[in-house]
All heavy atoms as atom14 arrays in JSON, in Angstrom:
{
  "sequence": "GTTSYTDSVKGRFTISRDGTTKMAYLQMTELKPEDTAVYYCNAKILRD",
  "atom14_mask": [
    [1, 1, 1, 1, 0, 0, 0, 0, 0, 0, 0, 0, 0, 0],
    [1, 1, 1, 1, 1, 1, 1, 0, 0, 0, 0, 0, 0, 0],
    [1, 1, 1, 1, 1, 1, 1, 0, 0, 0, 0, 0, 0, 0],
    [1, 1, 1, 1, 1, 1, 0, 0, 0, 0, 0, 0, 0, 0],
    [1, 1, 1, 1, 1, 1, 1, 1, 1, 1, 1, 1, 0, 0],
    [1, 1, 1, 1, 1, 1, 1, 0, 0, 0, 0, 0, 0, 0],
    [1, 1, 1, 1, 1, 1, 1, 1, 0, 0, 0, 0, 0, 0],
    [1, 1, 1, 1, 1, 1, 0, 0, 0, 0, 0, 0, 0, 0],
    [1, 1, 1, 1, 1, 1, 1, 0, 0, 0, 0, 0, 0, 0],
    [1, 1, 1, 1, 1, 1, 1, 1, 1, 0, 0, 0, 0, 0],
    [1, 1, 1, 1, 0, 0, 0, 0, 0, 0, 0, 0, 0, 0],
    [1, 1, 1, 1, 1, 1, 1, 1, 1, 1, 1, 0, 0, 0],
    [1, 1, 1, 1, 1, 1, 1, 1, 1, 1, 1, 0, 0, 0],
    [1, 1, 1, 1, 1, 1, 1, 0, 0, 0, 0, 0, 0, 0],
    [1, 1, 1, 1, 1, 1, 1, 1, 0, 0, 0, 0, 0, 0],
    [1, 1, 1, 1, 1, 1, 0, 0, 0, 0, 0, 0, 0, 0],
    [1, 1, 1, 1, 1, 1, 1, 1, 1, 1, 1, 0, 0, 0],
    [1, 1, 1, 1, 1, 1, 1, 1, 0, 0, 0, 0, 0, 0],
    [1, 1, 1, 1, 0, 0, 0, 0, 0, 0, 0, 0, 0, 0],
    [1, 1, 1, 1, 1, 1, 1, 0, 0, 0, 0, 0, 0, 0],
    [1, 1, 1, 1, 1, 1, 1, 0, 0, 0, 0, 0, 0, 0],
    [1, 1, 1, 1, 1, 1, 1, 1, 1, 0, 0, 0, 0, 0],
    [1, 1, 1, 1, 1, 1, 1, 1, 0, 0, 0, 0, 0, 0],
    [1, 1, 1, 1, 1, 0, 0, 0, 0, 0, 0, 0, 0, 0],
    [1, 1, 1, 1, 1, 1, 1, 1, 1, 1, 1, 1, 0, 0],
    [1, 1, 1, 1, 1, 1, 1, 1, 0, 0, 0, 0, 0, 0],
    [1, 1, 1, 1, 1, 1, 1, 1, 1, 0, 0, 0, 0, 0],
    [1, 1, 1, 1, 1, 1, 1, 1, 0, 0, 0, 0, 0, 0],
    [1, 1, 1, 1, 1, 1, 1, 0, 0, 0, 0, 0, 0, 0],
    [1, 1, 1, 1, 1, 1, 1, 1, 1, 0, 0, 0, 0, 0],
    [1, 1, 1, 1, 1, 1, 1, 1, 0, 0, 0, 0, 0, 0],
    [1, 1, 1, 1, 1, 1, 1, 1, 1, 0, 0, 0, 0, 0],
    [1, 1, 1, 1, 1, 1, 1, 0, 0, 0, 0, 0, 0, 0],
    [1, 1, 1, 1, 1, 1, 1, 1, 1, 0, 0, 0, 0, 0],
    [1, 1, 1, 1, 1, 1, 1, 1, 0, 0, 0, 0, 0, 0],
    [1, 1, 1, 1, 1, 1, 1, 0, 0, 0, 0, 0, 0, 0],
    [1, 1, 1, 1, 1, 0, 0, 0, 0, 0, 0, 0, 0, 0],
    [1, 1, 1, 1, 1, 1, 1, 0, 0, 0, 0, 0, 0, 0],
    [1, 1, 1, 1, 1, 1, 1, 1, 1, 1, 1, 1, 0, 0],
    [1, 1, 1, 1, 1, 1, 1, 1, 1, 1, 1, 1, 0, 0],
    [1, 1, 1, 1, 1, 1, 0, 0, 0, 0, 0, 0, 0, 0],
    [1, 1, 1, 1, 1, 1, 1, 1, 0, 0, 0, 0, 0, 0],
    [1, 1, 1, 1, 1, 0, 0, 0, 0, 0, 0, 0, 0, 0],
    [1, 1, 1, 1, 1, 1, 1, 1, 1, 0, 0, 0, 0, 0],
    [1, 1, 1, 1, 1, 1, 1, 1, 0, 0, 0, 0, 0, 0],
    [1, 1, 1, 1, 1, 1, 1, 1, 0, 0, 0, 0, 0, 0],
    [1, 1, 1, 1, 1, 1, 1, 1, 1, 1, 1, 0, 0, 0],
    [1, 1, 1, 1, 1, 1, 1, 1, 0, 0, 0, 0, 0, 0]
  ],
  "atom14_positions": [
    [[-43.94, -39.47, 90.8], [-44.14, -38.04, 90.56], [-45.54, -37.53, 90.84], [-45.82, -36.35, 90.64], [0.0, 0.0, 0.0], [0.0, 0.0, 0.0], [0.0, 0.0, 0.0], [0.0, 0.0, 0.0], [0.0, 0.0, 0.0], [0.0, 0.0, 0.0], [0.0, 0.0, 0.0], [0.0, 0.0, 0.0], [0.0, 0.0, 0.0], [0.0, 0.0, 0.0]],
    [[-46.43, -38.4, 91.3], [-47.78, -37.95, 91.63], [-47.76, -37.14, 92.92], [-47.17, -37.56, 93.91], [-48.72, -39.14, 91.79], [-48.73, -39.9, 90.57], [-50.13, -38.68, 92.13], [0.0, 0.0, 0.0], [0.0, 0.0, 0.0], [0.0, 0.0, 0.0], [0.0, 0.0, 0.0], [0.0, 0.0, 0.0], [0.0, 0.0, 0.0], [0.0, 0.0, 0.0]],
    [[-48.41, -35.99, 92.89], [-48.44, -35.12, 94.06], [-49.85, -35.05, 94.65], [-50.84, -35.23, 93.94], [-47.98, -33.7, 93.71], [-48.83, -33.17, 92.69], [-46.54, -33.7, 93.23], [0.0, 0.0, 0.0], [0.0, 0.0, 0.0], [0.0, 0.0, 0.0], [0.0, 0.0, 0.0], [0.0, 0.0, 0.0], [0.0, 0.0, 0.0], [0.0, 0.0, 0.0]],
    [[-49.91, -34.78, 95.93], [-51.18, -34.59, 96.6], [-50.98, -33.59, 97.73], [-49.87, -33.46, 98.26], [-51.74, -35.91, 97.13], [-50.83, -36.53, 98.01], [0.0, 0.0, 0.0], [0.0, 0.0, 0.0], [0.0, 0.0, 0.0], [0.0, 0.0, 0.0], [0.0, 0.0, 0.0], [0.0, 0.0, 0.0], [0.0, 0.0, 0.0], [0.0, 0.0, 0.0]],
    [[-52.09, -32.91, 98.09], [-52.01, -31.84, 99.08], [-53.23, -31.88, 99.99], [-54.32, -32.28, 99.57], [-51.99, -30.48, 98.38], [-50.84, -30.3, 97.43], [-50.95, -30.67, 96.09], [-49.63, -29.76, 97.87], [-49.89, -30.52, 95.22], [-48.56, -29.6, 97.0], [-48.7, -29.99, 95.68], [-47.64, -29.83, 94.82], [0.0, 0.0, 0.0], [0.0, 0.0, 0.0]],
    [[-53.02, -31.44, 101.22], [-54.16, -31.26, 102.08], [-54.96, -30.06, 101.56], [-54.4, -29.14, 100.96], [-53.73, -31.05, 103.54], [-54.85, -31.15, 104.39], [-53.05, -29.71, 103.73], [0.0, 0.0, 0.0], [0.0, 0.0, 0.0], [0.0, 0.0, 0.0], [0.0, 0.0, 0.0], [0.0, 0.0, 0.0], [0.0, 0.0, 0.0], [0.0, 0.0, 0.0]],
    [[-56.26, -30.08, 101.78], [-57.13, -29.07, 101.18], [-56.73, -27.64, 101.52], [-56.84, -26.74, 100.68], [-58.58, -29.3, 101.62], [-59.22, -30.49, 100.93], [-58.65, -30.98, 99.92], [-60.28, -30.96, 101.38], [0.0, 0.0, 0.0], [0.0, 0.0, 0.0], [0.0, 0.0, 0.0], [0.0, 0.0, 0.0], [0.0, 0.0, 0.0], [0.0, 0.0, 0.0]],
    [[-56.27, -27.41, 102.72], [-56.0, -26.05, 103.17], [-54.82, -25.39, 102.45], [-54.66, -24.16, 102.54], [-55.76, -26.02, 104.68], [-54.62, -26.77, 105.02], [0.0, 0.0, 0.0], [0.0, 0.0, 0.0], [0.0, 0.0, 0.0], [0.0, 0.0, 0.0], [0.0, 0.0, 0.0], [0.0, 0.0, 0.0], [0.0, 0.0, 0.0], [0.0, 0.0, 0.0]],
    [[-54.0, -26.17, 101.75], [-52.84, -25.58, 101.07], [-52.92, -25.71, 99.56], [-52.03, -25.21, 98.85], [-51.52, -26.2, 101.57], [-51.44, -26.15, 103.1], [-51.32, -27.62, 101.07], [0.0, 0.0, 0.0], [0.0, 0.0, 0.0], [0.0, 0.0, 0.0], [0.0, 0.0, 0.0], [0.0, 0.0, 0.0], [0.0, 0.0, 0.0], [0.0, 0.0, 0.0]],
    [[-53.95, -26.35, 99.05], [-54.07, -26.52, 97.59], [-54.09, -25.17, 96.91], [-54.81, -24.26, 97.32], [-55.35, -27.3, 97.27], [-55.24, -28.78, 97.55], [-56.52, -29.52, 97.19], [-56.41, -31.0, 97.48], [-57.68, -31.73, 97.22], [0.0, 0.0, 0.0], [0.0, 0.0, 0.0], [0.0, 0.0, 0.0], [0.0, 0.0, 0.0], [0.0, 0.0, 0.0]],
    [[-53.29, -25.06, 95.86], [-53.21, -23.8, 95.13], [-52.2, -22.83, 95.69], [-51.88, -21.82, 95.05], [0.0, 0.0, 0.0], [0.0, 0.0, 0.0], [0.0, 0.0, 0.0], [0.0, 0.0, 0.0], [0.0, 0.0, 0.0], [0.0, 0.0, 0.0], [0.0, 0.0, 0.0], [0.0, 0.0, 0.0], [0.0, 0.0, 0.0], [0.0, 0.0, 0.0]],
    [[-51.71, -23.1, 96.89], [-50.73, -22.2, 97.52], [-49.35, -22.85, 97.69], [-48.33, -22.18, 97.62], [-51.23, -21.76, 98.9], [-52.54, -20.99, 98.86], [-52.86, -20.38, 100.23], [-53.03, -21.39, 101.27], [-52.31, -21.43, 102.41], [-51.37, -20.53, 102.62], [-52.55, -22.36, 103.31], [0.0, 0.0, 0.0], [0.0, 0.0, 0.0], [0.0, 0.0, 0.0]],
    [[-49.34, -24.15, 97.95], [-48.08, -24.87, 98.19], [-47.8, -25.81, 97.02], [-48.73, -26.37, 96.42], [-48.18, -25.71, 99.46], [-48.22, -24.93, 100.75], [-48.42, -23.56, 100.78], [-48.07, -25.59, 101.96], [-48.47, -22.85, 101.97], [-48.1, -24.91, 103.16], [-48.32, -23.54, 103.17], [0.0, 0.0, 0.0], [0.0, 0.0, 0.0], [0.0, 0.0, 0.0]],
    [[-46.51, -25.99, 96.75], [-46.09, -26.92, 95.7], [-44.92, -27.76, 96.2], [-43.91, -27.21, 96.65], [-45.67, -26.17, 94.44], [-46.75, -25.34, 93.99], [-45.3, -27.15, 93.33], [0.0, 0.0, 0.0], [0.0, 0.0, 0.0], [0.0, 0.0, 0.0], [0.0, 0.0, 0.0], [0.0, 0.0, 0.0], [0.0, 0.0, 0.0], [0.0, 0.0, 0.0]],
    [[-45.07, -29.07, 96.1], [-43.98, -29.98, 96.46], [-43.24, -30.37, 95.18], [-43.86, -30.57, 94.13], [-44.5, -31.23, 97.21], [-43.35, -32.07, 97.73], [-45.44, -32.05, 96.33], [-43.78, -33.19, 98.68], [0.0, 0.0, 0.0], [0.0, 0.0, 0.0], [0.0, 0.0, 0.0], [0.0, 0.0, 0.0], [0.0, 0.0, 0.0], [0.0, 0.0, 0.0]],
    [[-41.91, -30.46, 95.29], [-41.11, -30.87, 94.15], [-39.86, -31.58, 94.65], [-39.61, -31.65, 95.86], [-40.74, -29.65, 93.29], [-39.95, -28.74, 94.02], [0.0, 0.0, 0.0], [0.0, 0.0, 0.0], [0.0, 0.0, 0.0], [0.0, 0.0, 0.0], [0.0, 0.0, 0.0], [0.0, 0.0, 0.0], [0.0, 0.0, 0.0], [0.0, 0.0, 0.0]],
    [[-39.08, -32.06, 93.72], [-37.86, -32.79, 94.1], [-36.86, -32.67, 92.97], [-37.2, -32.38, 91.82], [-38.18, -34.25, 94.37], [-38.69, -34.94, 93.11], [-39.21, -36.29, 93.32], [-39.71, -36.82, 92.05], [-40.3, -37.97, 91.92], [-40.47, -38.76, 92.97], [-40.73, -38.38, 90.74], [0.0, 0.0, 0.0], [0.0, 0.0, 0.0], [0.0, 0.0, 0.0]],
    [[-35.61, -32.95, 93.31], [-34.52, -32.94, 92.35], [-33.63, -34.13, 92.66], [-32.9, -34.12, 93.65], [-33.74, -31.62, 92.45], [-32.66, -31.51, 91.4], [-32.19, -32.55, 90.89], [-32.26, -30.38, 91.08], [0.0, 0.0, 0.0], [0.0, 0.0, 0.0], [0.0, 0.0, 0.0], [0.0, 0.0, 0.0], [0.0, 0.0, 0.0], [0.0, 0.0, 0.0]],
    [[-33.7, -35.14, 91.81], [-32.92, -36.35, 92.06], [-31.42, -36.11, 91.97], [-30.64, -36.77, 92.67], [0.0, 0.0, 0.0], [0.0, 0.0, 0.0], [0.0, 0.0, 0.0], [0.0, 0.0, 0.0], [0.0, 0.0, 0.0], [0.0, 0.0, 0.0], [0.0, 0.0, 0.0], [0.0, 0.0, 0.0], [0.0, 0.0, 0.0], [0.0, 0.0, 0.0]],
    [[-31.01, -35.18, 91.14], [-29.58, -34.92, 90.96], [-28.94, -34.42, 92.25], [-27.83, -34.81, 92.61], [-29.36, -33.89, 89.84], [-29.92, -34.38, 88.63], [-27.87, -33.62, 89.64], [0.0, 0.0, 0.0], [0.0, 0.0, 0.0], [0.0, 0.0, 0.0], [0.0, 0.0, 0.0], [0.0, 0.0, 0.0], [0.0, 0.0, 0.0], [0.0, 0.0, 0.0]],
    [[-29.65, -33.55, 92.94], [-29.11, -32.97, 94.17], [-29.64, -33.66, 95.42], [-29.28, -33.28, 96.54], [-29.46, -31.47, 94.25], [-30.89, -31.33, 94.17], [-28.8, -30.71, 93.11], [0.0, 0.0, 0.0], [0.0, 0.0, 0.0], [0.0, 0.0, 0.0], [0.0, 0.0, 0.0], [0.0, 0.0, 0.0], [0.0, 0.0, 0.0], [0.0, 0.0, 0.0]],
    [[-30.51, -34.66, 95.25], [-31.1, -35.4, 96.37], [-31.87, -34.47, 97.3], [-31.74, -34.54, 98.53], [-30.05, -36.2, 97.14], [-29.34, -37.25, 96.3], [-28.39, -38.11, 97.1], [-27.19, -37.35, 97.56], [-26.21, -38.21, 98.26], [0.0, 0.0, 0.0], [0.0, 0.0, 0.0], [0.0, 0.0, 0.0], [0.0, 0.0, 0.0], [0.0, 0.0, 0.0]],
    [[-32.65, -33.58, 96.69], [-33.38, -32.58, 97.46], [-34.87, -32.68, 97.19], [-35.3, -33.02, 96.09], [-32.92, -31.17, 97.07], [-31.46, -30.86, 97.36], [-31.14, -30.63, 99.11], [-32.03, -29.11, 99.41], [0.0, 0.0, 0.0], [0.0, 0.0, 0.0], [0.0, 0.0, 0.0], [0.0, 0.0, 0.0], [0.0, 0.0, 0.0], [0.0, 0.0, 0.0]],
    [[-35.65, -32.34, 98.2], [-37.09, -32.14, 98.04], [-37.41, -30.74, 98.53], [-36.7, -30.2, 99.39], [-37.88, -33.17, 98.82], [0.0, 0.0, 0.0], [0.0, 0.0, 0.0], [0.0, 0.0, 0.0], [0.0, 0.0, 0.0], [0.0, 0.0, 0.0], [0.0, 0.0, 0.0], [0.0, 0.0, 0.0], [0.0, 0.0, 0.0], [0.0, 0.0, 0.0]],
    [[-38.47, -30.17, 97.98], [-38.8, -28.78, 98.3], [-40.3, -28.64, 98.59], [-41.11, -29.42, 98.1], [-38.45, -27.88, 97.12], [-37.01, -27.93, 96.7], [-36.6, -28.74, 95.65], [-36.04, -27.18, 97.36], [-35.28, -28.8, 95.26], [-34.72, -27.23, 96.99], [-34.33, -28.04, 95.94], [-33.02, -28.1, 95.56], [0.0, 0.0, 0.0], [0.0, 0.0, 0.0]],
    [[-40.59, -27.62, 99.35], [-41.98, -27.21, 99.53], [-42.01, -25.7, 99.32], [-41.53, -24.94, 100.17], [-42.52, -27.57, 100.9], [-44.0, -27.26, 101.12], [-44.87, -28.17, 100.23], [-44.41, -27.41, 102.58], [0.0, 0.0, 0.0], [0.0, 0.0, 0.0], [0.0, 0.0, 0.0], [0.0, 0.0, 0.0], [0.0, 0.0, 0.0], [0.0, 0.0, 0.0]],
    [[-42.54, -25.3, 98.19], [-42.71, -23.88, 97.91], [-44.05, -23.45, 98.5], [-45.09, -23.98, 98.13], [-42.69, -23.61, 96.4], [-42.94, -22.15, 96.05], [-41.82, -21.25, 96.49], [-40.67, -21.4, 96.07], [-42.13, -20.28, 97.36], [0.0, 0.0, 0.0], [0.0, 0.0, 0.0], [0.0, 0.0, 0.0], [0.0, 0.0, 0.0], [0.0, 0.0, 0.0]],
    [[-44.0, -22.5, 99.4], [-45.2, -22.03, 100.08], [-45.45, -20.58, 99.7], [-44.55, -19.75, 99.85], [-45.05, -22.16, 101.59], [-44.65, -23.56, 102.05], [-44.62, -23.74, 103.84], [-43.26, -22.67, 104.24], [0.0, 0.0, 0.0], [0.0, 0.0, 0.0], [0.0, 0.0, 0.0], [0.0, 0.0, 0.0], [0.0, 0.0, 0.0], [0.0, 0.0, 0.0]],
    [[-46.62, -20.29, 99.21], [-46.99, -18.93, 98.84], [-48.27, -18.53, 99.57], [-48.96, -19.37, 100.14], [-47.19, -18.79, 97.33], [-48.31, -19.6, 96.92], [-45.96, -19.24, 96.56], [0.0, 0.0, 0.0], [0.0, 0.0, 0.0], [0.0, 0.0, 0.0], [0.0, 0.0, 0.0], [0.0, 0.0, 0.0], [0.0, 0.0, 0.0], [0.0, 0.0, 0.0]],
    [[-48.56, -17.24, 99.53], [-49.77, -16.71, 100.18], [-49.92, -17.26, 101.59], [-50.99, -17.74, 101.98], [-51.0, -17.06, 99.33], [-50.95, -16.51, 97.92], [-52.14, -17.0, 97.09], [-53.25, -17.09, 97.64], [-51.93, -17.3, 95.9], [0.0, 0.0, 0.0], [0.0, 0.0, 0.0], [0.0, 0.0, 0.0], [0.0, 0.0, 0.0], [0.0, 0.0, 0.0]],
    [[-48.86, -17.19, 102.34], [-48.86, -17.77, 103.68], [-49.85, -17.08, 104.59], [-50.07, -15.86, 104.5], [-47.45, -17.73, 104.27], [-46.52, -18.81, 103.72], [-45.07, -18.47, 103.98], [-46.86, -20.17, 104.32], [0.0, 0.0, 0.0], [0.0, 0.0, 0.0], [0.0, 0.0, 0.0], [0.0, 0.0, 0.0], [0.0, 0.0, 0.0], [0.0, 0.0, 0.0]],
    [[-50.44, -17.88, 105.46], [-51.44, -17.4, 106.41], [-50.98, -17.71, 107.83], [-50.18, -18.63, 108.04], [-52.77, -18.11, 106.16], [-53.3, -18.0, 104.74], [-54.55, -18.83, 104.55], [-55.08, -18.72, 103.13], [-56.31, -19.53, 102.92], [0.0, 0.0, 0.0], [0.0, 0.0, 0.0], [0.0, 0.0, 0.0], [0.0, 0.0, 0.0], [0.0, 0.0, 0.0]],
    [[-51.48, -16.97, 108.81], [-51.1, -17.26, 110.2], [-51.36, -18.71, 110.59], [-50.58, -19.28, 111.37], [-51.98, -16.3, 111.0], [-52.17, -15.14, 110.08], [-52.29, -15.76, 108.71], [0.0, 0.0, 0.0], [0.0, 0.0, 0.0], [0.0, 0.0, 0.0], [0.0, 0.0, 0.0], [0.0, 0.0, 0.0], [0.0, 0.0, 0.0], [0.0, 0.0, 0.0]],
    [[-52.39, -19.31, 110.04], [-52.7, -20.71, 110.38], [-51.71, -21.7, 109.77], [-51.79, -22.9, 110.06], [-54.13, -21.08, 109.96], [-54.48, -20.72, 108.54], [-55.21, -19.38, 108.43], [-54.8, -18.41, 109.12], [-56.17, -19.32, 107.64], [0.0, 0.0, 0.0], [0.0, 0.0, 0.0], [0.0, 0.0, 0.0], [0.0, 0.0, 0.0], [0.0, 0.0, 0.0]],
    [[-50.79, -21.23, 108.93], [-49.73, -22.1, 108.42], [-48.57, -22.2, 109.41], [-47.63, -22.97, 109.18], [-49.2, -21.56, 107.08], [-50.24, -21.61, 105.98], [-50.98, -22.62, 105.89], [-50.32, -20.63, 105.21], [0.0, 0.0, 0.0], [0.0, 0.0, 0.0], [0.0, 0.0, 0.0], [0.0, 0.0, 0.0], [0.0, 0.0, 0.0], [0.0, 0.0, 0.0]],
    [[-48.62, -21.43, 110.47], [-47.56, -21.47, 111.48], [-47.46, -22.85, 112.1], [-48.45, -23.4, 112.6], [-47.83, -20.43, 112.57], [-47.76, -19.12, 112.0], [-46.83, -20.54, 113.71], [0.0, 0.0, 0.0], [0.0, 0.0, 0.0], [0.0, 0.0, 0.0], [0.0, 0.0, 0.0], [0.0, 0.0, 0.0], [0.0, 0.0, 0.0], [0.0, 0.0, 0.0]],
    [[-46.26, -23.43, 112.04], [-46.05, -24.79, 112.56], [-44.58, -25.15, 112.39], [-43.83, -24.43, 111.72], [-46.91, -25.79, 111.79], [0.0, 0.0, 0.0], [0.0, 0.0, 0.0], [0.0, 0.0, 0.0], [0.0, 0.0, 0.0], [0.0, 0.0, 0.0], [0.0, 0.0, 0.0], [0.0, 0.0, 0.0], [0.0, 0.0, 0.0], [0.0, 0.0, 0.0]],
    [[-44.21, -26.27, 112.97], [-42.92, -26.89, 112.65], [-43.18, -27.81, 111.46], [-44.1, -28.64, 111.5], [-42.35, -27.67, 113.83], [-41.04, -28.35, 113.43], [-42.13, -26.76, 115.03], [0.0, 0.0, 0.0], [0.0, 0.0, 0.0], [0.0, 0.0, 0.0], [0.0, 0.0, 0.0], [0.0, 0.0, 0.0], [0.0, 0.0, 0.0], [0.0, 0.0, 0.0]],
    [[-42.38, -27.66, 110.42], [-42.54, -28.46, 109.21], [-41.46, -29.54, 109.17], [-40.28, -29.26, 109.38], [-42.45, -27.55, 107.98], [-43.7, -26.75, 107.76], [-44.04, -25.7, 108.61], [-44.58, -27.06, 106.71], [-45.21, -24.98, 108.43], [-45.74, -26.34, 106.51], [-46.06, -25.3, 107.37], [-47.22, -24.58, 107.18], [0.0, 0.0, 0.0], [0.0, 0.0, 0.0]],
    [[-41.9, -30.75, 108.86], [-41.0, -31.91, 108.85], [-40.98, -32.55, 107.47], [-42.03, -32.75, 106.85], [-41.48, -32.96, 109.86], [-41.47, -32.52, 111.29], [-42.6, -31.92, 111.85], [-40.35, -32.71, 112.09], [-42.6, -31.52, 113.18], [-40.36, -32.32, 113.42], [-41.48, -31.72, 113.95], [-41.48, -31.32, 115.27], [0.0, 0.0, 0.0], [0.0, 0.0, 0.0]],
    [[-39.81, -32.92, 107.05], [-39.64, -33.71, 105.84], [-39.77, -35.18, 106.21], [-39.27, -35.61, 107.27], [-38.27, -33.43, 105.23], [-37.92, -34.31, 103.7], [0.0, 0.0, 0.0], [0.0, 0.0, 0.0], [0.0, 0.0, 0.0], [0.0, 0.0, 0.0], [0.0, 0.0, 0.0], [0.0, 0.0, 0.0], [0.0, 0.0, 0.0], [0.0, 0.0, 0.0]],
    [[-40.42, -35.94, 105.36], [-40.66, -37.36, 105.62], [-40.37, -38.17, 104.37], [-40.63, -37.71, 103.26], [-42.12, -37.54, 106.04], [-42.55, -38.99, 106.13], [-42.94, -39.6, 105.13], [-42.48, -39.55, 107.31], [0.0, 0.0, 0.0], [0.0, 0.0, 0.0], [0.0, 0.0, 0.0], [0.0, 0.0, 0.0], [0.0, 0.0, 0.0], [0.0, 0.0, 0.0]],
    [[-39.85, -39.37, 104.58], [-39.61, -40.28, 103.45], [-39.96, -41.69, 103.86], [-39.73, -42.08, 105.01], [-38.16, -40.2, 103.01], [0.0, 0.0, 0.0], [0.0, 0.0, 0.0], [0.0, 0.0, 0.0], [0.0, 0.0, 0.0], [0.0, 0.0, 0.0], [0.0, 0.0, 0.0], [0.0, 0.0, 0.0], [0.0, 0.0, 0.0], [0.0, 0.0, 0.0]],
    [[-40.53, -42.41, 102.93], [-40.94, -43.79, 103.2], [-40.31, -44.75, 102.21], [-40.27, -44.48, 101.01], [-42.46, -43.92, 103.12], [-43.22, -43.14, 104.19], [-44.7, -43.37, 104.06], [-45.5, -42.75, 105.19], [-45.44, -41.28, 105.19], [0.0, 0.0, 0.0], [0.0, 0.0, 0.0], [0.0, 0.0, 0.0], [0.0, 0.0, 0.0], [0.0, 0.0, 0.0]],
    [[-39.82, -45.88, 102.75], [-39.35, -46.99, 101.94], [-40.04, -48.23, 102.47], [-39.7, -48.7, 103.55], [-37.82, -47.17, 102.01], [-37.1, -45.88, 101.63], [-37.39, -48.32, 101.11], [-35.6, -45.96, 101.81], [0.0, 0.0, 0.0], [0.0, 0.0, 0.0], [0.0, 0.0, 0.0], [0.0, 0.0, 0.0], [0.0, 0.0, 0.0], [0.0, 0.0, 0.0]],
    [[-41.03, -48.68, 101.73], [-41.85, -49.82, 102.17], [-42.39, -49.52, 103.57], [-43.11, -48.57, 103.76], [-41.04, -51.1, 102.11], [-40.51, -51.48, 100.72], [-39.68, -52.75, 100.78], [-41.68, -51.64, 99.74], [0.0, 0.0, 0.0], [0.0, 0.0, 0.0], [0.0, 0.0, 0.0], [0.0, 0.0, 0.0], [0.0, 0.0, 0.0], [0.0, 0.0, 0.0]],
    [[-42.02, -50.31, 104.57], [-42.56, -50.1, 105.91], [-41.7, -49.19, 106.77], [-42.05, -48.86, 107.9], [-42.71, -51.45, 106.62], [-43.69, -52.38, 105.96], [-43.75, -53.72, 106.67], [-44.63, -54.66, 105.99], [-44.78, -55.93, 106.35], [-44.11, -56.39, 107.39], [-45.61, -56.72, 105.7], [0.0, 0.0, 0.0], [0.0, 0.0, 0.0], [0.0, 0.0, 0.0]],
    [[-40.56, -48.75, 106.25], [-39.68, -47.87, 107.01], [-40.02, -46.42, 106.73], [-40.38, -46.05, 105.61], [-38.22, -48.14, 106.65], [-37.77, -49.52, 107.1], [-38.27, -49.99, 108.14], [-36.94, -50.13, 106.4], [0.0, 0.0, 0.0], [0.0, 0.0, 0.0], [0.0, 0.0, 0.0], [0.0, 0.0, 0.0], [0.0, 0.0, 0.0], [0.0, 0.0, 0.0]]
  ]
}
């Protein structure tokens, strides 16, 4: 449950998850033009 953020989004973005629904979320607020990008979800299991 430990979270971390890149400096440019601290205070604006929040990552969370829900084990019951097998979902992860990224709540983004105060969006800026420099946030424009393709966003990808990533998951790691050991080396995979």
